[in-house]
Amino acid sequence: QVQLVESGGGLVQPGGSLRLSCETSRTIFSFLALGWYRRAPGKERELVATMTSTGITNYGDSVKGRFTISRDTSKNTVALQMNSLKPEDTAVYYCAARTSWGGNWTYWGQGTQVTVSS
C-alpha cells in the first residue's frame, strides 16, 4: 500500500511563509502526477498545486504567484513552498498522487493543518 506522509504544517502570521513536504513510500516516478489540495472549514476541497511526472505544474488561481510546488526525486518527496500567506489560506493541506488520468486521485495523505493568524 502506498503511503503519503505530509509534514511542515503549523501556525504562521499573515505575510509569513511555510514549507510543506510530502514523502511517498515509493519512487515518485511511479506516479503520473503529485499534488496538493486543501480544505478549509465549511468549504469544499480546493486544488492548490500539481506537478506531473514530466514536471508540468498547475496552480489554483488563489495561490498563483505565492505558492510553488517542487519535487526531490532523490528523496521521493514533493514540497509546497507557501509565501505571502493570508488568513484565507488556513486549511488542512493534503498531498495526493495519481496513477491514472481521469477520476479521483489514487492516493491521499492524512493532511497537515496550516493556520494563518496573528
Protein backbone atom coordinates (compact mmCIF):
# COMPACT_ATOMS: atom_id res chain seq x y z
CA GLN A 1 0.00 0.00 0.00
CA VAL A 2 1.32 3.41 -0.97
CA GLN A 3 1.72 5.92 1.83
CA LEU A 4 1.91 9.68 1.56
CA VAL A 5 3.09 11.45 4.71
CA GLU A 6 2.80 15.22 4.99
CA SER A 7 4.80 17.41 7.32
CA GLY A 8 5.54 21.07 7.88
CA GLY A 9 2.18 22.49 8.84
CA GLY A 10 1.70 24.88 11.71
CA LEU A 11 0.76 28.37 12.79
CA VAL A 12 2.14 31.35 10.89
CA GLN A 13 1.37 35.06 10.84
CA PRO A 14 -0.14 36.76 7.80
CA GLY A 15 2.56 37.57 5.28
CA GLY A 16 4.73 34.75 6.52
CA SER A 17 6.00 31.61 4.82
CA LEU A 18 5.69 27.91 5.39
CA ARG A 19 7.02 24.87 3.58
CA LEU A 20 5.09 21.63 3.42
CA SER A 21 6.66 18.33 2.47
CA CYS A 22 5.13 15.03 1.37
CA GLU A 23 7.16 11.85 1.43
CA THR A 24 5.98 8.97 -0.71
CA SER A 25 6.61 5.31 0.07
CA ARG A 26 7.75 4.57 -3.46
CA THR A 27 9.56 6.36 -6.23
CA ILE A 28 7.71 9.47 -7.34
CA PHE A 29 8.27 8.47 -10.96
CA SER A 30 5.75 5.67 -10.42
CA PHE A 31 3.02 8.34 -10.27
CA LEU A 32 1.60 10.24 -13.22
CA ALA A 33 1.26 13.28 -11.01
CA LEU A 34 1.59 14.53 -7.45
CA GLY A 35 -0.28 17.40 -5.96
CA TRP A 36 -1.54 19.42 -3.05
CA TYR A 37 -5.15 20.13 -2.19
CA ARG A 38 -6.67 21.88 0.78
CA ARG A 39 -9.95 22.00 2.63
CA ALA A 40 -10.95 24.91 4.79
CA PRO A 41 -13.71 24.60 7.40
CA GLY A 42 -17.10 24.68 5.76
CA LYS A 43 -15.65 24.71 2.26
CA GLU A 44 -15.08 22.17 -0.46
CA ARG A 45 -11.71 20.69 -1.25
CA GLU A 46 -9.68 23.03 -3.43
CA LEU A 47 -6.82 22.49 -5.84
CA VAL A 48 -3.60 24.11 -4.65
CA ALA A 49 -0.90 22.82 -6.99
CA THR A 50 0.00 19.80 -9.06
CA MET A 51 3.05 18.51 -10.87
CA THR A 52 3.14 15.78 -13.50
CA SER A 53 5.91 13.21 -13.80
CA THR A 54 7.32 15.33 -16.65
CA GLY A 55 7.46 18.40 -14.43
CA ILE A 56 4.45 20.30 -15.73
CA THR A 57 2.89 22.36 -12.95
CA ASN A 58 -0.58 23.76 -12.38
CA TYR A 59 -1.79 26.09 -9.65
CA GLY A 60 -5.10 27.15 -8.22
CA ASP A 61 -5.97 30.75 -9.02
CA SER A 62 -5.94 31.79 -5.38
CA VAL A 63 -2.30 30.74 -4.86
CA LYS A 64 -0.67 31.65 -8.18
CA GLY A 65 2.43 33.73 -7.67
CA ARG A 66 2.60 32.88 -3.96
CA PHE A 67 2.96 29.10 -3.79
CA THR A 68 5.48 26.88 -5.54
CA ILE A 69 5.39 23.11 -5.93
CA SER A 70 8.65 21.23 -6.33
CA ARG A 71 10.00 17.72 -6.04
CA ASP A 72 13.13 15.97 -4.87
CA THR A 73 13.48 12.76 -6.84
CA SER A 74 16.34 11.52 -4.65
CA LYS A 75 14.16 11.68 -1.55
CA ASN A 76 10.82 10.84 -3.19
CA THR A 77 9.26 13.97 -1.81
CA VAL A 78 7.11 16.75 -3.17
CA ALA A 79 7.14 20.10 -1.44
CA LEU A 80 4.89 23.15 -1.36
CA GLN A 81 6.57 26.46 -0.61
CA MET A 82 3.95 28.93 0.58
CA ASN A 83 4.82 32.62 0.72
CA SER A 84 2.80 35.75 1.49
CA LEU A 85 0.33 33.67 3.43
CA LYS A 86 -3.14 35.03 4.09
CA PRO A 87 -5.74 34.09 6.70
CA GLU A 88 -7.82 32.59 3.90
CA ASP A 89 -5.03 30.07 3.30
CA THR A 90 -5.96 28.45 6.60
CA ALA A 91 -6.93 24.85 5.85
CA VAL A 92 -5.91 21.24 6.10
CA TYR A 93 -3.48 20.55 3.28
CA TYR A 94 -3.44 17.15 1.65
CA CYS A 95 -0.83 15.50 -0.52
CA ALA A 96 -2.20 13.42 -3.38
CA ALA A 97 -0.83 11.09 -6.03
CA ARG A 98 -2.40 9.59 -9.10
CA THR A 99 -1.53 6.56 -11.19
CA SER A 100 -4.15 7.09 -13.88
CA TRP A 101 -5.70 10.06 -15.58
CA GLY A 102 -9.31 10.91 -15.02
CA GLY A 103 -11.41 10.36 -11.94
CA ASN A 104 -10.21 10.81 -8.41
CA TRP A 105 -6.62 10.88 -7.29
CA THR A 106 -5.42 7.42 -6.34
CA TYR A 107 -3.72 8.06 -3.02
CA TRP A 108 -4.12 10.68 -0.31
CA GLY A 109 -2.14 11.66 2.73
CA GLN A 110 -3.62 12.25 6.18
CA GLY A 111 -3.33 16.01 5.88
CA THR A 112 -1.48 18.70 7.78
CA GLN A 113 -3.04 21.77 9.36
CA VAL A 114 -1.94 25.23 8.26
CA THR A 115 -3.25 28.16 10.26
CA VAL A 116 -2.55 31.74 9.24
CA SER A 117 -3.40 34.10 12.05
CA SER A 118 -1.97 36.99 14.02
